[in-house]
N, C-alpha and C. Protein backbone atom coordinates (compact mmCIF):
# COMPACT_ATOMS: atom_id res chain seq x y z
N UNK A 1 49.73 77.08 130.03
CA UNK A 1 49.68 77.26 128.60
C UNK A 1 50.00 78.70 128.22
N UNK A 2 49.50 79.65 129.02
CA UNK A 2 49.73 81.05 128.74
C UNK A 2 51.22 81.38 128.82
N UNK A 3 51.93 80.78 129.81
CA UNK A 3 53.37 81.01 129.96
C UNK A 3 54.13 80.45 128.75
N UNK A 4 53.70 79.31 128.26
CA UNK A 4 54.35 78.69 127.11
C UNK A 4 54.20 79.58 125.87
N UNK A 5 53.02 80.11 125.65
CA UNK A 5 52.77 80.97 124.50
C UNK A 5 53.60 82.25 124.62
N UNK A 6 53.62 82.84 125.81
CA UNK A 6 54.41 84.05 126.02
C UNK A 6 55.90 83.78 125.83
N UNK A 7 56.36 82.63 126.30
CA UNK A 7 57.77 82.25 126.13
C UNK A 7 58.11 82.08 124.65
N UNK A 8 57.21 81.42 123.91
CA UNK A 8 57.44 81.23 122.48
C UNK A 8 57.45 82.56 121.73
N UNK A 9 56.57 83.46 122.13
CA UNK A 9 56.54 84.78 121.50
C UNK A 9 57.83 85.53 121.80
N UNK A 10 58.28 85.47 123.05
CA UNK A 10 59.52 86.16 123.44
C UNK A 10 60.72 85.60 122.68
N UNK A 11 60.82 84.28 122.59
CA UNK A 11 61.93 83.65 121.87
C UNK A 11 61.86 84.01 120.38
N UNK A 12 60.67 83.98 119.81
CA UNK A 12 60.51 84.33 118.40
C UNK A 12 60.90 85.79 118.15
N UNK A 13 60.47 86.66 119.05
CA UNK A 13 60.78 88.08 118.94
C UNK A 13 62.29 88.29 118.99
N UNK A 14 62.96 87.64 119.94
CA UNK A 14 64.41 87.73 120.08
C UNK A 14 65.11 87.19 118.83
N UNK A 15 64.67 86.04 118.35
CA UNK A 15 65.28 85.44 117.15
C UNK A 15 65.11 86.35 115.94
N UNK A 16 63.98 87.00 115.84
CA UNK A 16 63.74 87.91 114.72
C UNK A 16 64.75 89.06 114.72
N UNK A 17 64.95 89.67 115.88
CA UNK A 17 65.88 90.80 115.95
C UNK A 17 67.33 90.37 115.77
N UNK A 18 67.68 89.21 116.25
CA UNK A 18 69.05 88.71 116.06
C UNK A 18 69.29 88.46 114.58
N UNK A 19 68.30 87.90 113.90
CA UNK A 19 68.48 87.60 112.48
C UNK A 19 68.49 88.86 111.62
N UNK A 20 68.00 89.97 112.13
CA UNK A 20 67.98 91.21 111.37
C UNK A 20 69.24 92.03 111.57
N UNK A 21 70.18 91.52 112.32
CA UNK A 21 71.43 92.25 112.57
C UNK A 21 72.26 92.39 111.31
N UNK A 22 73.27 93.23 111.40
CA UNK A 22 74.18 93.45 110.29
C UNK A 22 75.11 92.26 110.16
N UNK A 23 74.93 91.48 109.10
CA UNK A 23 75.77 90.31 108.88
C UNK A 23 77.15 90.70 108.39
N UNK A 24 77.31 91.91 107.90
CA UNK A 24 78.58 92.36 107.37
C UNK A 24 79.24 93.28 108.38
N UNK A 25 79.86 92.70 109.38
CA UNK A 25 80.49 93.48 110.44
C UNK A 25 81.93 93.83 110.13
N UNK A 26 82.34 93.72 108.89
CA UNK A 26 83.71 94.01 108.53
C UNK A 26 83.86 95.49 108.21
N UNK A 27 85.04 95.99 108.42
CA UNK A 27 85.31 97.37 108.06
C UNK A 27 85.61 97.42 106.57
N UNK A 28 85.37 98.55 105.95
CA UNK A 28 85.66 98.64 104.52
C UNK A 28 87.14 98.38 104.25
N UNK A 29 87.41 97.71 103.18
CA UNK A 29 88.79 97.41 102.79
C UNK A 29 89.42 98.69 102.26
N UNK A 30 90.67 98.94 102.66
CA UNK A 30 91.35 100.15 102.21
C UNK A 30 91.51 100.20 100.69
N UNK A 31 91.38 99.06 100.05
CA UNK A 31 91.56 98.99 98.60
C UNK A 31 90.25 99.03 97.82
N UNK A 32 89.13 99.12 98.52
CA UNK A 32 87.84 99.23 97.82
C UNK A 32 87.87 100.46 96.92
N UNK A 33 87.56 100.27 95.67
CA UNK A 33 87.51 101.38 94.73
C UNK A 33 88.85 101.78 94.13
N UNK A 34 89.94 101.15 94.57
CA UNK A 34 91.26 101.48 94.04
C UNK A 34 91.56 100.55 92.87
N UNK A 35 91.74 101.13 91.70
CA UNK A 35 92.12 100.35 90.53
C UNK A 35 93.63 100.42 90.43
N UNK A 36 94.28 99.33 90.78
CA UNK A 36 95.73 99.32 90.79
C UNK A 36 96.23 98.14 89.97
N UNK A 37 96.52 98.41 88.72
CA UNK A 37 97.14 97.39 87.88
C UNK A 37 98.46 97.98 87.38
N UNK A 38 99.34 97.11 86.97
CA UNK A 38 100.65 97.56 86.51
C UNK A 38 100.49 98.54 85.35
N UNK A 39 99.71 98.17 84.36
CA UNK A 39 99.61 99.00 83.15
C UNK A 39 98.85 100.30 83.35
N UNK A 40 97.88 100.34 84.27
CA UNK A 40 97.09 101.56 84.43
C UNK A 40 97.73 102.58 85.36
N UNK A 41 98.35 102.13 86.45
CA UNK A 41 98.86 103.10 87.43
C UNK A 41 100.26 102.79 87.94
N UNK A 42 100.53 101.54 88.23
CA UNK A 42 101.79 101.18 88.90
C UNK A 42 103.01 101.49 88.04
N UNK A 43 102.95 101.17 86.77
CA UNK A 43 104.09 101.40 85.87
C UNK A 43 104.51 102.87 85.89
N UNK A 44 103.56 103.77 85.84
CA UNK A 44 103.87 105.20 85.86
C UNK A 44 104.55 105.63 87.15
N UNK A 45 104.07 105.11 88.27
CA UNK A 45 104.67 105.45 89.56
C UNK A 45 106.09 104.91 89.63
N UNK A 46 106.27 103.65 89.27
CA UNK A 46 107.60 103.05 89.33
C UNK A 46 108.57 103.73 88.37
N UNK A 47 108.11 104.03 87.16
CA UNK A 47 108.99 104.67 86.18
C UNK A 47 109.41 106.07 86.61
N UNK A 48 108.54 106.79 87.28
CA UNK A 48 108.85 108.15 87.70
C UNK A 48 109.65 108.21 89.00
N UNK A 49 109.48 107.22 89.86
CA UNK A 49 110.07 107.30 91.19
C UNK A 49 111.14 106.26 91.50
N UNK A 50 111.14 105.15 90.78
CA UNK A 50 112.02 104.04 91.16
C UNK A 50 112.88 103.54 90.00
N UNK A 51 112.27 103.30 88.88
CA UNK A 51 112.96 102.70 87.73
C UNK A 51 113.63 103.78 86.89
N UNK A 52 114.56 104.48 87.53
CA UNK A 52 115.30 105.54 86.86
C UNK A 52 116.78 105.20 86.91
N UNK A 53 117.56 105.77 86.00
CA UNK A 53 118.99 105.47 85.97
C UNK A 53 119.64 105.78 87.31
N UNK A 54 120.48 104.89 87.73
CA UNK A 54 121.15 105.04 89.01
C UNK A 54 120.37 104.42 90.15
N UNK A 55 119.17 104.01 89.87
CA UNK A 55 118.35 103.39 90.93
C UNK A 55 117.97 101.97 90.50
N UNK A 56 116.71 101.75 90.20
CA UNK A 56 116.24 100.40 89.91
C UNK A 56 115.96 100.18 88.42
N UNK A 57 116.85 100.77 87.61
CA UNK A 57 116.82 100.56 86.16
C UNK A 57 118.21 100.83 85.63
N UNK A 58 118.73 99.94 84.92
CA UNK A 58 120.03 100.08 84.27
C UNK A 58 120.62 98.70 84.13
N UNK A 59 121.84 98.67 83.65
CA UNK A 59 122.53 97.39 83.50
C UNK A 59 122.78 96.77 84.87
N UNK A 60 123.08 97.61 85.85
CA UNK A 60 123.35 97.13 87.20
C UNK A 60 122.44 97.88 88.18
N UNK A 61 121.17 97.47 88.28
CA UNK A 61 120.24 98.20 89.15
C UNK A 61 120.63 98.10 90.63
N UNK A 62 120.32 99.13 91.36
CA UNK A 62 120.62 99.19 92.78
C UNK A 62 120.02 98.00 93.52
N UNK A 63 120.82 97.39 94.35
CA UNK A 63 120.43 96.20 95.15
C UNK A 63 119.97 95.04 94.27
N UNK A 64 120.33 95.09 92.98
CA UNK A 64 119.91 94.02 92.07
C UNK A 64 118.43 94.02 91.77
N UNK A 65 117.77 95.11 92.13
CA UNK A 65 116.31 95.20 91.99
C UNK A 65 115.96 96.03 90.76
N UNK A 66 115.51 95.37 89.72
CA UNK A 66 115.13 96.01 88.46
C UNK A 66 113.61 96.10 88.41
N UNK A 67 113.11 97.32 88.28
CA UNK A 67 111.66 97.54 88.25
C UNK A 67 111.18 98.06 86.90
N UNK A 68 111.90 97.71 85.84
CA UNK A 68 111.58 98.26 84.52
C UNK A 68 110.51 97.50 83.74
N UNK A 69 110.17 96.30 84.15
CA UNK A 69 109.15 95.52 83.44
C UNK A 69 108.13 94.98 84.43
N UNK A 70 106.99 94.60 83.89
CA UNK A 70 105.95 94.01 84.75
C UNK A 70 106.47 92.77 85.46
N UNK A 71 107.10 91.86 84.73
CA UNK A 71 107.57 90.60 85.33
C UNK A 71 108.55 90.86 86.47
N UNK A 72 109.45 91.81 86.28
CA UNK A 72 110.45 92.10 87.32
C UNK A 72 109.81 92.82 88.50
N UNK A 73 108.89 93.74 88.23
CA UNK A 73 108.21 94.45 89.32
C UNK A 73 107.33 93.49 90.12
N UNK A 74 106.62 92.60 89.43
CA UNK A 74 105.77 91.63 90.12
C UNK A 74 106.61 90.72 91.01
N UNK A 75 107.73 90.24 90.50
CA UNK A 75 108.61 89.38 91.29
C UNK A 75 109.09 90.11 92.54
N UNK A 76 109.39 91.39 92.42
CA UNK A 76 109.86 92.17 93.56
C UNK A 76 108.74 92.45 94.55
N UNK A 77 107.51 92.52 94.07
CA UNK A 77 106.38 92.88 94.93
C UNK A 77 106.07 91.81 95.97
N UNK A 78 106.58 90.61 95.78
CA UNK A 78 106.32 89.55 96.76
C UNK A 78 107.20 89.67 97.99
N UNK A 79 108.22 90.49 97.92
CA UNK A 79 109.11 90.72 99.07
C UNK A 79 108.43 91.72 100.02
N UNK A 80 108.24 91.36 101.28
CA UNK A 80 107.59 92.28 102.23
C UNK A 80 108.29 93.63 102.34
N UNK A 81 109.57 93.67 102.04
CA UNK A 81 110.30 94.93 102.11
C UNK A 81 109.87 95.91 101.03
N UNK A 82 109.24 95.42 99.98
CA UNK A 82 108.78 96.29 98.89
C UNK A 82 107.87 97.38 99.45
N UNK A 83 106.88 97.01 100.22
CA UNK A 83 105.95 97.99 100.80
C UNK A 83 106.59 98.70 101.99
N UNK A 84 107.36 97.99 102.77
CA UNK A 84 108.03 98.59 103.93
C UNK A 84 108.92 99.76 103.52
N UNK A 85 109.67 99.60 102.44
CA UNK A 85 110.60 100.66 102.03
C UNK A 85 109.87 101.92 101.56
N UNK A 86 108.77 101.75 100.82
CA UNK A 86 108.07 102.95 100.35
C UNK A 86 107.29 103.64 101.47
N UNK A 87 107.01 102.88 102.54
CA UNK A 87 106.35 103.47 103.71
C UNK A 87 107.36 104.05 104.70
N UNK A 88 108.64 103.92 104.38
CA UNK A 88 109.72 104.33 105.28
C UNK A 88 109.54 103.65 106.63
N UNK A 89 109.21 102.36 106.59
CA UNK A 89 108.97 101.58 107.79
C UNK A 89 110.24 101.30 108.58
N UNK A 90 110.05 101.02 109.85
CA UNK A 90 111.18 100.70 110.74
C UNK A 90 111.91 99.46 110.23
N UNK A 91 113.22 99.55 110.20
CA UNK A 91 114.03 98.42 109.77
C UNK A 91 114.15 98.28 108.26
N UNK A 92 113.59 99.21 107.52
CA UNK A 92 113.66 99.16 106.06
C UNK A 92 114.40 100.39 105.54
N UNK A 93 115.10 100.21 104.44
CA UNK A 93 115.81 101.30 103.79
C UNK A 93 114.79 102.17 103.07
N UNK A 94 114.57 103.42 103.53
CA UNK A 94 113.52 104.24 102.94
C UNK A 94 113.77 104.55 101.46
N UNK A 95 112.73 104.39 100.68
CA UNK A 95 112.78 104.67 99.25
C UNK A 95 111.66 105.64 98.89
N UNK A 96 111.87 106.47 97.90
CA UNK A 96 113.08 106.65 97.13
C UNK A 96 114.21 107.21 98.01
N UNK A 97 115.38 106.66 97.81
CA UNK A 97 116.52 107.00 98.65
C UNK A 97 116.91 108.47 98.49
N UNK A 98 117.04 109.14 99.63
CA UNK A 98 117.45 110.53 99.64
C UNK A 98 116.39 111.51 99.17
N UNK A 99 115.19 111.01 98.94
CA UNK A 99 114.10 111.87 98.47
C UNK A 99 112.92 111.77 99.43
N UNK A 100 111.98 112.70 99.34
CA UNK A 100 110.79 112.59 100.21
C UNK A 100 110.02 111.31 99.92
N UNK A 101 109.30 110.89 100.92
CA UNK A 101 108.42 109.73 100.80
C UNK A 101 107.41 109.96 99.68
N UNK A 102 107.03 108.88 99.01
CA UNK A 102 105.98 108.99 97.99
C UNK A 102 104.69 109.51 98.63
N UNK A 103 103.82 110.06 97.82
CA UNK A 103 102.54 110.57 98.34
C UNK A 103 101.72 109.41 98.91
N UNK A 104 100.83 109.74 99.82
CA UNK A 104 99.95 108.71 100.39
C UNK A 104 99.14 108.02 99.30
N UNK A 105 98.73 108.78 98.29
CA UNK A 105 97.95 108.19 97.19
C UNK A 105 98.77 107.17 96.42
N UNK A 106 100.04 107.48 96.13
CA UNK A 106 100.90 106.53 95.42
C UNK A 106 101.17 105.29 96.27
N UNK A 107 101.40 105.51 97.56
CA UNK A 107 101.65 104.38 98.46
C UNK A 107 100.42 103.48 98.52
N UNK A 108 99.25 104.08 98.56
CA UNK A 108 98.01 103.30 98.60
C UNK A 108 97.86 102.48 97.32
N UNK A 109 98.15 103.07 96.18
CA UNK A 109 98.05 102.35 94.91
C UNK A 109 99.01 101.16 94.90
N UNK A 110 100.26 101.39 95.29
CA UNK A 110 101.24 100.30 95.29
C UNK A 110 100.87 99.23 96.31
N UNK A 111 100.41 99.64 97.48
CA UNK A 111 100.00 98.68 98.51
C UNK A 111 98.83 97.84 98.02
N UNK A 112 97.84 98.46 97.41
CA UNK A 112 96.68 97.72 96.91
C UNK A 112 97.06 96.82 95.74
N UNK A 113 97.99 97.26 94.93
CA UNK A 113 98.47 96.42 93.82
C UNK A 113 99.07 95.14 94.37
N UNK A 114 99.92 95.27 95.38
CA UNK A 114 100.54 94.09 95.99
C UNK A 114 99.49 93.24 96.68
N UNK A 115 98.62 93.89 97.46
CA UNK A 115 97.59 93.17 98.21
C UNK A 115 96.67 92.36 97.30
N UNK A 116 96.44 92.85 96.09
CA UNK A 116 95.55 92.17 95.15
C UNK A 116 96.28 91.26 94.17
N UNK A 117 97.51 90.91 94.49
CA UNK A 117 98.24 89.93 93.68
C UNK A 117 99.03 90.52 92.53
N UNK A 118 99.27 91.82 92.55
CA UNK A 118 100.08 92.50 91.53
C UNK A 118 99.60 92.24 90.10
N UNK A 119 98.34 92.58 89.81
CA UNK A 119 97.82 92.31 88.46
C UNK A 119 98.46 93.20 87.40
N UNK A 120 98.52 92.65 86.20
CA UNK A 120 99.10 93.39 85.08
C UNK A 120 98.08 94.41 84.55
């Protein structure tokens, strides 16, 4: 009987500590705390860096990619190359073309915007 009681205590003790473990073993999401909507941040980045004459705004935008409106930018954001190009990723045409890579902060905003479904 003494062994049974000790065994039950040991099992209960073990179960208690297992149940007190960290249930949230995930790493923080890179987009936690990033407010990335088209109207608040994305539009400004695109207008300053991409949707300029001779690039992705005009009657004949480069590569047929027009980034002058929310609807057009959102449609483009579904293409995996959208993020690849601004990251200057392997196999992608680096953008902005002929200019330095966008800042890490701008890339993070655009990446989080796409990751969160490109909200307006």
